[in-house]
Amino acid sequence: MPDDTTRALRDDRPAESRRPRLSRTFDEDAELYDRVRPGYPPELYDDLAESAGIRPGSRVLEIGCGTGQATAPLAERGCRITAVEAGPSMAAVARRNLAGTTGVEVVTADFETWPLPEESFDVVLAATSFHWIDPAVRMRKAAEALRSGGALAVVRTQHVRGGTEEFFAEVQGCYERFDPDTPPGTRPPEAADVDGSDHAQEVARSGAFGPTVFRRHERDITYSTSAYLELLRTYSGHRALPEAARNGLLGCVAELIDGRYDGRVTKRYLLELAVAHRR
């Protein structure tokens, strides 16, 4: 889940120079990712129906389906889905999770090099994955995949202020101790201060789409110490740390949660859906 600040707050979104390497870390433990990564709330799918026109029979291309967190709910709504996932282990878990589901195909491929089928799609969806796709390719190829009037729907998720705020202030000490790249004193932003204009500008620059429409939802998820550590183990930045630093960081986080927060912390997420229709 993307954020550009410290490893404590930046769940996955990479600096461009690190994107290809970090994008492969998720496939190292697809079962853990499948078990602990949260799905998306029902309101998001209602928004997709209203703003992107998703309905029974819609032909959907999903970029970076992971283990199927968004794929399964869309299939339940009667969509016909081609889900492209670069990680072979992630794709294998997705196929298992979607076994018996009609109208879904999971393809193991990089979206950048995957040949588009002749039949165009009604919707191209990227749920917490678009930032991993090469910026030189993603907008052009998404447009090429869509029929005229079809929708590009991009979901971005960010850690924002709320939940157990004191913990997320204190835990920065653990990151500053074990990760030298951690900027000191970083805090989660207020949801109202999160600016989606970078995506809207990229859409506009492509010249292929109309205006971008945004929908937003906030949600709190409470984690036990062990559950929170498992979640951190799925984040690319944490996985990329040297083993000794990663183990030290996780031990420091666990000690803080158990010692000062009674073994439970709550994290607030902002989910932002951006929809633009192909001209």
C-alpha atoms as a PDB file:
ATOM      1  CA  MET A   1       0.000   0.000   0.000  1.00  0.00           C
ATOM      2  CA  PRO A   2       1.625   3.115  -1.234  1.00  0.00           C
ATOM      3  CA  ASP A   3       3.105   6.043   0.604  1.00  0.00           C
ATOM      4  CA  ASP A   4       6.216   8.059  -0.107  1.00  0.00           C
ATOM      5  CA  THR A   5       7.558   8.758   3.367  1.00  0.00           C
ATOM      6  CA  THR A   6       9.514   6.487   5.733  1.00  0.00           C
ATOM      7  CA  ARG A   7       9.403   2.715   5.751  1.00  0.00           C
ATOM      8  CA  ALA A   8       7.012   2.936   8.677  1.00  0.00           C
ATOM      9  CA  LEU A   9       4.554   4.871   6.556  1.00  0.00           C
ATOM     10  CA  ARG A  10       5.560   4.101   2.971  1.00  0.00           C
ATOM     11  CA  ASP A  11       4.075   0.669   2.521  1.00  0.00           C
ATOM     12  CA  ASP A  12       5.102  -0.031  -1.067  1.00  0.00           C
ATOM     13  CA  ARG A  13       5.382   2.900  -3.447  1.00  0.00           C
ATOM     14  CA  PRO A  14       8.954   2.887  -4.785  1.00  0.00           C
ATOM     15  CA  ALA A  15      11.370   5.492  -5.940  1.00  0.00           C
ATOM     16  CA  GLU A  16      11.640   4.962  -9.692  1.00  0.00           C
ATOM     17  CA  SER A  17      15.217   3.685  -9.525  1.00  0.00           C
ATOM     18  CA  ARG A  18      14.172   0.928  -7.112  1.00  0.00           C
ATOM     19  CA  ARG A  19      10.907  -0.057  -8.799  1.00  0.00           C
ATOM     20  CA  PRO A  20      12.008  -3.145 -10.797  1.00  0.00           C
ATOM     21  CA  ARG A  21      13.884  -4.718  -7.879  1.00  0.00           C
ATOM     22  CA  LEU A  22      11.302  -4.015  -5.175  1.00  0.00           C
ATOM     23  CA  SER A  23       8.402  -5.125  -7.342  1.00  0.00           C
ATOM     24  CA  ARG A  24       9.640  -8.718  -7.126  1.00  0.00           C
ATOM     25  CA  THR A  25       9.742  -8.901  -3.333  1.00  0.00           C
ATOM     26  CA  PHE A  26       6.029  -9.699  -2.998  1.00  0.00           C
ATOM     27  CA  ASP A  27       6.437 -12.987  -4.841  1.00  0.00           C
ATOM     28  CA  GLU A  28       8.910 -14.247  -2.235  1.00  0.00           C
ATOM     29  CA  ASP A  29       6.091 -15.112   0.193  1.00  0.00           C
ATOM     30  CA  ALA A  30       2.794 -15.066  -1.661  1.00  0.00           C
ATOM     31  CA  GLU A  31       1.045 -17.085   1.037  1.00  0.00           C
ATOM     32  CA  LEU A  32       1.863 -14.487   3.696  1.00  0.00           C
ATOM     33  CA  TYR A  33       0.738 -11.684   1.385  1.00  0.00           C
ATOM     34  CA  ASP A  34      -2.538 -13.490   0.744  1.00  0.00           C
ATOM     35  CA  ARG A  35      -3.146 -14.082   4.431  1.00  0.00           C
ATOM     36  CA  VAL A  36      -2.475 -10.622   5.828  1.00  0.00           C
ATOM     37  CA  ARG A  37      -3.022  -7.993   3.138  1.00  0.00           C
ATOM     38  CA  PRO A  38      -6.455  -6.383   3.598  1.00  0.00           C
ATOM     39  CA  GLY A  39      -8.984  -6.406   0.806  1.00  0.00           C
ATOM     40  CA  TYR A  40     -11.162  -3.468  -0.213  1.00  0.00           C
ATOM     41  CA  PRO A  41     -14.425  -2.287   1.358  1.00  0.00           C
ATOM     42  CA  PRO A  42     -17.792  -2.811  -0.383  1.00  0.00           C
ATOM     43  CA  GLU A  43     -18.142   0.931  -0.950  1.00  0.00           C
ATOM     44  CA  LEU A  44     -15.197   0.818  -3.334  1.00  0.00           C
ATOM     45  CA  TYR A  45     -16.987  -1.643  -5.603  1.00  0.00           C
ATOM     46  CA  ASP A  46     -20.119   0.493  -5.442  1.00  0.00           C
ATOM     47  CA  ASP A  47     -17.964   3.411  -6.591  1.00  0.00           C
ATOM     48  CA  LEU A  48     -16.576   1.300  -9.434  1.00  0.00           C
ATOM     49  CA  ALA A  49     -20.092   0.476 -10.533  1.00  0.00           C
ATOM     50  CA  GLU A  50     -21.151   4.128 -10.468  1.00  0.00           C
ATOM     51  CA  SER A  51     -18.065   5.901 -11.809  1.00  0.00           C
ATOM     52  CA  ALA A  52     -16.403   3.233 -13.988  1.00  0.00           C
ATOM     53  CA  GLY A  53     -19.586   1.525 -15.164  1.00  0.00           C
ATOM     54  CA  ILE A  54     -18.672  -1.926 -13.856  1.00  0.00           C
ATOM     55  CA  ARG A  55     -21.684  -4.244 -14.040  1.00  0.00           C
ATOM     56  CA  PRO A  56     -22.467  -7.917 -14.749  1.00  0.00           C
ATOM     57  CA  GLY A  57     -20.842  -8.875 -18.020  1.00  0.00           C
ATOM     58  CA  SER A  58     -18.283  -6.035 -18.012  1.00  0.00           C
ATOM     59  CA  ARG A  59     -14.974  -7.033 -19.531  1.00  0.00           C
ATOM     60  CA  VAL A  60     -12.251  -6.064 -17.034  1.00  0.00           C
ATOM     61  CA  LEU A  61      -8.476  -6.094 -17.390  1.00  0.00           C
ATOM     62  CA  GLU A  62      -6.898  -6.122 -13.943  1.00  0.00           C
ATOM     63  CA  ILE A  63      -3.252  -5.060 -13.743  1.00  0.00           C
ATOM     64  CA  GLY A  64      -1.318  -6.668 -10.897  1.00  0.00           C
ATOM     65  CA  CYS A  65      -4.031  -8.753  -9.288  1.00  0.00           C
ATOM     66  CA  GLY A  66      -1.785 -10.008  -6.494  1.00  0.00           C
ATOM     67  CA  THR A  67      -3.497 -13.009  -4.942  1.00  0.00           C
ATOM     68  CA  GLY A  68      -6.964 -11.844  -5.984  1.00  0.00           C
ATOM     69  CA  GLN A  69      -7.985  -9.339  -3.297  1.00  0.00           C
ATOM     70  CA  ALA A  70     -10.010  -7.288  -5.779  1.00  0.00           C
ATOM     71  CA  THR A  71     -10.517  -9.993  -8.390  1.00  0.00           C
ATOM     72  CA  ALA A  72     -12.833 -12.201  -6.361  1.00  0.00           C
ATOM     73  CA  PRO A  73     -15.333  -9.440  -5.409  1.00  0.00           C
ATOM     74  CA  LEU A  74     -15.468  -8.278  -9.033  1.00  0.00           C
ATOM     75  CA  ALA A  75     -16.105 -11.828 -10.185  1.00  0.00           C
ATOM     76  CA  GLU A  76     -18.932 -12.069  -7.660  1.00  0.00           C
ATOM     77  CA  ARG A  77     -20.463  -9.042  -9.380  1.00  0.00           C
ATOM     78  CA  GLY A  78     -20.498 -10.928 -12.664  1.00  0.00           C
ATOM     79  CA  CYS A  79     -17.521  -9.310 -14.392  1.00  0.00           C
ATOM     80  CA  ARG A  80     -15.440 -11.140 -16.981  1.00  0.00           C
ATOM     81  CA  ILE A  81     -11.866 -10.624 -15.837  1.00  0.00           C
ATOM     82  CA  THR A  82      -8.434 -11.052 -17.332  1.00  0.00           C
ATOM     83  CA  ALA A  83      -6.011 -10.592 -14.429  1.00  0.00           C
ATOM     84  CA  VAL A  84      -2.340 -10.032 -15.271  1.00  0.00           C
ATOM     85  CA  GLU A  85       0.135 -10.727 -12.464  1.00  0.00           C
ATOM     86  CA  ALA A  86       3.921 -10.611 -12.859  1.00  0.00           C
ATOM     87  CA  GLY A  87       4.756 -12.823  -9.869  1.00  0.00           C
ATOM     88  CA  PRO A  88       4.380 -16.544 -10.602  1.00  0.00           C
ATOM     89  CA  SER A  89       3.798 -17.444  -6.947  1.00  0.00           C
ATOM     90  CA  MET A  90       1.246 -14.663  -6.513  1.00  0.00           C
ATOM     91  CA  ALA A  91      -0.512 -15.739  -9.701  1.00  0.00           C
ATOM     92  CA  ALA A  92      -0.594 -19.354  -8.512  1.00  0.00           C
ATOM     93  CA  VAL A  93      -2.265 -18.349  -5.238  1.00  0.00           C
ATOM     94  CA  ALA A  94      -4.728 -16.179  -7.162  1.00  0.00           C
ATOM     95  CA  ARG A  95      -5.674 -19.131  -9.384  1.00  0.00           C
ATOM     96  CA  ARG A  96      -6.212 -21.262  -6.287  1.00  0.00           C
ATOM     97  CA  ASN A  97      -8.349 -18.589  -4.635  1.00  0.00           C
ATOM     98  CA  LEU A  98     -10.409 -18.171  -7.798  1.00  0.00           C
ATOM     99  CA  ALA A  99     -10.782 -21.859  -8.590  1.00  0.00           C
ATOM    100  CA  GLY A 100     -14.350 -22.579  -9.598  1.00  0.00           C
ATOM    101  CA  THR A 101     -15.035 -18.932 -10.375  1.00  0.00           C
ATOM    102  CA  THR A 102     -16.424 -18.438 -13.855  1.00  0.00           C
ATOM    103  CA  GLY A 103     -15.262 -15.746 -16.225  1.00  0.00           C
ATOM    104  CA  VAL A 104     -11.796 -15.203 -14.701  1.00  0.00           C
ATOM    105  CA  GLU A 105      -8.409 -15.849 -16.303  1.00  0.00           C
ATOM    106  CA  VAL A 106      -5.158 -15.221 -14.406  1.00  0.00           C
ATOM    107  CA  VAL A 107      -2.182 -14.593 -16.681  1.00  0.00           C
ATOM    108  CA  THR A 108       1.407 -14.692 -15.409  1.00  0.00           C
ATOM    109  CA  ALA A 109       3.150 -11.854 -17.253  1.00  0.00           C
ATOM    110  CA  ASP A 110       4.579  -8.368 -16.947  1.00  0.00           C
ATOM    111  CA  PHE A 111       1.881  -5.966 -18.068  1.00  0.00           C
ATOM    112  CA  GLU A 112       4.470  -3.908 -19.946  1.00  0.00           C
ATOM    113  CA  THR A 113       5.321  -6.773 -22.341  1.00  0.00           C
ATOM    114  CA  TRP A 114       2.074  -8.757 -22.297  1.00  0.00           C
ATOM    115  CA  PRO A 115       0.421  -8.704 -25.753  1.00  0.00           C
ATOM    116  CA  LEU A 116      -3.033  -7.165 -25.572  1.00  0.00           C
ATOM    117  CA  PRO A 117      -5.874  -9.321 -26.901  1.00  0.00           C
ATOM    118  CA  GLU A 118      -7.799  -8.177 -29.953  1.00  0.00           C
ATOM    119  CA  GLU A 119     -11.034  -7.617 -28.013  1.00  0.00           C
ATOM    120  CA  SER A 120     -10.946  -4.384 -26.042  1.00  0.00           C
ATOM    121  CA  PHE A 121     -11.960  -4.015 -22.404  1.00  0.00           C
ATOM    122  CA  ASP A 122     -14.660  -1.975 -20.702  1.00  0.00           C
ATOM    123  CA  VAL A 123     -12.492  -1.256 -17.656  1.00  0.00           C
ATOM    124  CA  VAL A 124      -8.792  -1.385 -16.865  1.00  0.00           C
ATOM    125  CA  LEU A 125      -8.345  -1.688 -13.096  1.00  0.00           C
ATOM    126  CA  ALA A 126      -5.147  -1.367 -11.092  1.00  0.00           C
ATOM    127  CA  ALA A 127      -5.768  -1.868  -7.361  1.00  0.00           C
ATOM    128  CA  THR A 128      -2.708  -0.714  -5.395  1.00  0.00           C
ATOM    129  CA  SER A 129      -0.483  -1.735  -8.301  1.00  0.00           C
ATOM    130  CA  PHE A 130      -0.290   1.040 -10.904  1.00  0.00           C
ATOM    131  CA  HIS A 131       2.779   2.592  -9.266  1.00  0.00           C
ATOM    132  CA  TRP A 132       4.709  -0.606 -10.001  1.00  0.00           C
ATOM    133  CA  ILE A 133       4.132  -0.347 -13.763  1.00  0.00           C
ATOM    134  CA  ASP A 134       6.727   1.443 -15.900  1.00  0.00           C
ATOM    135  CA  PRO A 135       5.529   5.076 -16.220  1.00  0.00           C
ATOM    136  CA  ALA A 136       6.707   5.128 -19.822  1.00  0.00           C
ATOM    137  CA  VAL A 137       4.227   2.371 -20.679  1.00  0.00           C
ATOM    138  CA  ARG A 138       1.322   2.263 -18.262  1.00  0.00           C
ATOM    139  CA  MET A 139      -0.907   5.091 -19.478  1.00  0.00           C
ATOM    140  CA  ARG A 140      -0.460   4.408 -23.188  1.00  0.00           C
ATOM    141  CA  LYS A 141      -1.034   0.673 -22.862  1.00  0.00           C
ATOM    142  CA  ALA A 142      -4.041   1.097 -20.572  1.00  0.00           C
ATOM    143  CA  ALA A 143      -5.606   3.361 -23.202  1.00  0.00           C
ATOM    144  CA  GLU A 144      -4.844   0.860 -25.964  1.00  0.00           C
ATOM    145  CA  ALA A 145      -6.568  -1.890 -23.960  1.00  0.00           C
ATOM    146  CA  LEU A 146      -9.818   0.078 -23.573  1.00  0.00           C
ATOM    147  CA  ARG A 147     -12.740   0.588 -25.898  1.00  0.00           C
ATOM    148  CA  SER A 148     -13.778   4.136 -26.608  1.00  0.00           C
ATOM    149  CA  GLY A 149     -15.519   5.399 -23.480  1.00  0.00           C
ATOM    150  CA  GLY A 150     -14.010   2.644 -21.347  1.00  0.00           C
ATOM    151  CA  ALA A 151     -12.661   3.500 -17.907  1.00  0.00           C
ATOM    152  CA  LEU A 152      -9.221   3.437 -16.336  1.00  0.00           C
ATOM    153  CA  ALA A 153      -9.729   2.865 -12.599  1.00  0.00           C
ATOM    154  CA  VAL A 154      -6.725   3.206 -10.286  1.00  0.00           C
ATOM    155  CA  VAL A 155      -6.924   2.491  -6.558  1.00  0.00           C
ATOM    156  CA  ARG A 156      -4.245   3.931  -4.307  1.00  0.00           C
ATOM    157  CA  THR A 157      -3.991   3.237  -0.586  1.00  0.00           C
ATOM    158  CA  GLN A 158      -2.093   5.335   1.920  1.00  0.00           C
ATOM    159  CA  HIS A 159      -1.490   5.370   5.655  1.00  0.00           C
ATOM    160  CA  VAL A 160      -2.923   8.621   7.052  1.00  0.00           C
ATOM    161  CA  ARG A 161      -3.224  10.240  10.449  1.00  0.00           C
ATOM    162  CA  GLY A 162      -5.613   8.545  12.825  1.00  0.00           C
ATOM    163  CA  GLY A 163      -5.822   5.255  14.641  1.00  0.00           C
ATOM    164  CA  THR A 164      -3.121   4.834  17.295  1.00  0.00           C
ATOM    165  CA  GLU A 165      -1.374   8.099  16.459  1.00  0.00           C
ATOM    166  CA  GLU A 166       1.050   8.013  19.392  1.00  0.00           C
ATOM    167  CA  PHE A 167       2.417   4.654  18.275  1.00  0.00           C
ATOM    168  CA  PHE A 168       3.150   5.845  14.761  1.00  0.00           C
ATOM    169  CA  ALA A 169       5.035   8.813  16.199  1.00  0.00           C
ATOM    170  CA  GLU A 170       7.056   6.681  18.608  1.00  0.00           C
ATOM    171  CA  VAL A 171       7.810   3.869  16.165  1.00  0.00           C
ATOM    172  CA  GLN A 172       9.837   6.243  14.002  1.00  0.00           C
ATOM    173  CA  GLY A 173      12.600   5.794  16.552  1.00  0.00           C
ATOM    174  CA  CYS A 174      12.806   2.121  15.575  1.00  0.00           C
ATOM    175  CA  TYR A 175      13.069   3.030  11.909  1.00  0.00           C
ATOM    176  CA  GLU A 176      15.686   5.695  12.492  1.00  0.00           C
ATOM    177  CA  ARG A 177      17.709   3.163  14.491  1.00  0.00           C
ATOM    178  CA  PHE A 178      17.622   0.296  12.015  1.00  0.00           C
ATOM    179  CA  ASP A 179      17.131   1.997   8.647  1.00  0.00           C
ATOM    180  CA  PRO A 180      19.585   4.808   7.876  1.00  0.00           C
ATOM    181  CA  ASP A 181      17.413   6.036   4.993  1.00  0.00           C
ATOM    182  CA  THR A 182      14.593   7.014   7.357  1.00  0.00           C
ATOM    183  CA  PRO A 183      13.937  10.780   7.399  1.00  0.00           C
ATOM    184  CA  PRO A 184      13.658  11.898  11.038  1.00  0.00           C
ATOM    185  CA  GLY A 185      10.362  12.971  12.514  1.00  0.00           C
ATOM    186  CA  THR A 186       8.094  11.823   9.699  1.00  0.00           C
ATOM    187  CA  ARG A 187       4.388  11.530  10.510  1.00  0.00           C
ATOM    188  CA  PRO A 188       1.396  10.257   8.538  1.00  0.00           C
ATOM    189  CA  PRO A 189      -0.366  13.054   6.653  1.00  0.00           C
ATOM    190  CA  GLU A 190      -3.911  14.162   7.286  1.00  0.00           C
ATOM    191  CA  ALA A 191      -6.241  12.527   4.791  1.00  0.00           C
ATOM    192  CA  ALA A 192      -7.343  15.959   3.587  1.00  0.00           C
ATOM    193  CA  ASP A 193      -3.724  16.836   2.768  1.00  0.00           C
ATOM    194  CA  VAL A 194      -3.146  13.829   0.492  1.00  0.00           C
ATOM    195  CA  ASP A 195      -2.966  15.219  -3.020  1.00  0.00           C
ATOM    196  CA  GLY A 196      -4.028  13.021  -5.937  1.00  0.00           C
ATOM    197  CA  SER A 197      -3.076  15.604  -8.532  1.00  0.00           C
ATOM    198  CA  ASP A 198       0.037  13.704  -9.634  1.00  0.00           C
ATOM    199  CA  HIS A 199      -2.135  10.928 -11.049  1.00  0.00           C
ATOM    200  CA  ALA A 200      -4.646  13.346 -12.573  1.00  0.00           C
ATOM    201  CA  GLN A 201      -1.795  15.203 -14.261  1.00  0.00           C
ATOM    202  CA  GLU A 202      -0.349  11.984 -15.656  1.00  0.00           C
ATOM    203  CA  VAL A 203      -3.770  11.066 -17.051  1.00  0.00           C
ATOM    204  CA  ALA A 204      -4.153  14.521 -18.600  1.00  0.00           C
ATOM    205  CA  ARG A 205      -0.667  14.450 -20.141  1.00  0.00           C
ATOM    206  CA  SER A 206      -1.475  11.197 -21.912  1.00  0.00           C
ATOM    207  CA  GLY A 207      -4.143  12.966 -23.973  1.00  0.00           C
ATOM    208  CA  ALA A 208      -6.083   9.705 -24.121  1.00  0.00           C
ATOM    209  CA  PHE A 209      -8.580  10.286 -21.319  1.00  0.00           C
ATOM    210  CA  GLY A 210     -11.131  12.754 -20.106  1.00  0.00           C
ATOM    211  CA  PRO A 211     -11.061  14.344 -16.626  1.00  0.00           C
ATOM    212  CA  THR A 212     -10.199  12.224 -13.594  1.00  0.00           C
ATOM    213  CA  VAL A 213     -12.905  11.749 -10.962  1.00  0.00           C
ATOM    214  CA  PHE A 214     -11.875  10.825  -7.415  1.00  0.00           C
ATOM    215  CA  ARG A 215     -13.698   8.910  -4.692  1.00  0.00           C
ATOM    216  CA  ARG A 216     -12.189   8.443  -1.224  1.00  0.00           C
ATOM    217  CA  HIS A 217     -12.814   6.275   1.810  1.00  0.00           C
ATOM    218  CA  GLU A 218     -11.056   6.013   5.176  1.00  0.00           C
ATOM    219  CA  ARG A 219     -10.935   2.822   7.191  1.00  0.00           C
ATOM    220  CA  ASP A 220      -9.323   1.723  10.464  1.00  0.00           C
ATOM    221  CA  ILE A 221      -7.848  -1.750  10.928  1.00  0.00           C
ATOM    222  CA  THR A 222      -6.686  -2.951  14.345  1.00  0.00           C
ATOM    223  CA  TYR A 223      -3.753  -5.362  14.529  1.00  0.00           C
ATOM    224  CA  SER A 224      -2.326  -7.515  17.276  1.00  0.00           C
ATOM    225  CA  THR A 225       1.445  -7.395  17.627  1.00  0.00           C
ATOM    226  CA  SER A 226       1.962 -10.575  15.630  1.00  0.00           C
ATOM    227  CA  ALA A 227      -0.509  -9.525  12.927  1.00  0.00           C
ATOM    228  CA  TYR A 228       1.150  -6.136  12.539  1.00  0.00           C
ATOM    229  CA  LEU A 229       4.585  -7.720  12.204  1.00  0.00           C
ATOM    230  CA  GLU A 230       3.239 -10.066   9.544  1.00  0.00           C
ATOM    231  CA  LEU A 231       1.841  -7.086   7.664  1.00  0.00           C
ATOM    232  CA  LEU A 232       5.218  -5.317   7.793  1.00  0.00           C
ATOM    233  CA  ARG A 233       6.885  -8.442   6.408  1.00  0.00           C
ATOM    234  CA  THR A 234       4.832  -8.034   3.227  1.00  0.00           C
ATOM    235  CA  TYR A 235       6.026  -4.478   2.532  1.00  0.00           C
ATOM    236  CA  SER A 236       8.685  -4.183  -0.143  1.00  0.00           C
ATOM    237  CA  GLY A 237      10.826  -1.674   1.741  1.00  0.00           C
ATOM    238  CA  HIS A 238      10.957  -3.879   4.827  1.00  0.00           C
ATOM    239  CA  ARG A 239      11.724  -6.987   2.793  1.00  0.00           C
ATOM    240  CA  ALA A 240      14.588  -5.168   1.070  1.00  0.00           C
ATOM    241  CA  LEU A 241      16.386  -4.375   4.339  1.00  0.00           C
ATOM    242  CA  PRO A 242      19.386  -6.542   5.292  1.00  0.00           C
ATOM    243  CA  GLU A 243      18.229  -9.441   7.436  1.00  0.00           C
ATOM    244  CA  ALA A 244      19.895  -8.222  10.635  1.00  0.00           C
ATOM    245  CA  ALA A 245      18.404  -4.748  10.260  1.00  0.00           C
ATOM    246  CA  ARG A 246      14.972  -6.147   9.403  1.00  0.00           C
ATOM    247  CA  ASN A 247      14.971  -8.473  12.407  1.00  0.00           C
ATOM    248  CA  GLY A 248      16.140  -5.676  14.673  1.00  0.00           C
ATOM    249  CA  LEU A 249      13.446  -3.367  13.362  1.00  0.00           C
ATOM    250  CA  LEU A 250      10.666  -5.909  13.793  1.00  0.00           C
ATOM    251  CA  GLY A 251      11.867  -6.720  17.316  1.00  0.00           C
ATOM    252  CA  CYS A 252      11.864  -3.029  18.207  1.00  0.00           C
ATOM    253  CA  VAL A 253       8.337  -2.578  16.808  1.00  0.00           C
ATOM    254  CA  ALA A 254       7.069  -5.627  18.717  1.00  0.00           C
ATOM    255  CA  GLU A 255       8.597  -4.431  21.972  1.00  0.00           C
ATOM    256  CA  LEU A 256       6.938  -1.049  21.557  1.00  0.00           C
ATOM    257  CA  ILE A 257       3.468  -2.463  20.796  1.00  0.00           C
ATOM    258  CA  ASP A 258       3.608  -4.975  23.630  1.00  0.00           C
ATOM    259  CA  GLY A 259       5.210  -2.647  26.156  1.00  0.00           C
ATOM    260  CA  ARG A 260       3.238   0.547  25.596  1.00  0.00           C
ATOM    261  CA  TYR A 261       0.113  -0.304  23.617  1.00  0.00           C
ATOM    262  CA  ASP A 262      -1.141  -3.508  25.251  1.00  0.00           C
ATOM    263  CA  GLY A 263      -0.366  -5.594  22.193  1.00  0.00           C
ATOM    264  CA  ARG A 264      -2.729  -3.826  19.765  1.00  0.00           C
ATOM    265  CA  VAL A 265      -2.475  -0.871  17.380  1.00  0.00           C
ATOM    266  CA  THR A 266      -4.892   0.634  14.888  1.00  0.00           C
ATOM    267  CA  LYS A 267      -3.797   1.876  11.468  1.00  0.00           C
ATOM    268  CA  ARG A 268      -5.900   4.266   9.388  1.00  0.00           C
ATOM    269  CA  TYR A 269      -5.919   3.861   5.635  1.00  0.00           C
ATOM    270  CA  LEU A 270      -7.081   6.245   2.951  1.00  0.00           C
ATOM    271  CA  LEU A 271      -8.377   4.498  -0.168  1.00  0.00           C
ATOM    272  CA  GLU A 272      -8.492   6.706  -3.232  1.00  0.00           C
ATOM    273  CA  LEU A 273     -10.234   5.603  -6.428  1.00  0.00           C
ATOM    274  CA  ALA A 274      -9.381   7.607  -9.550  1.00  0.00           C
ATOM    275  CA  VAL A 275     -11.479   7.020 -12.682  1.00  0.00           C
ATOM    276  CA  ALA A 276     -10.976   8.500 -16.146  1.00  0.00           C
ATOM    277  CA  HIS A 277     -12.750   7.508 -19.365  1.00  0.00           C
ATOM    278  CA  ARG A 278     -10.980   6.978 -22.644  1.00  0.00           C
ATOM    279  CA  ARG A 279     -11.732   9.631 -25.268  1.00  0.00           C
END
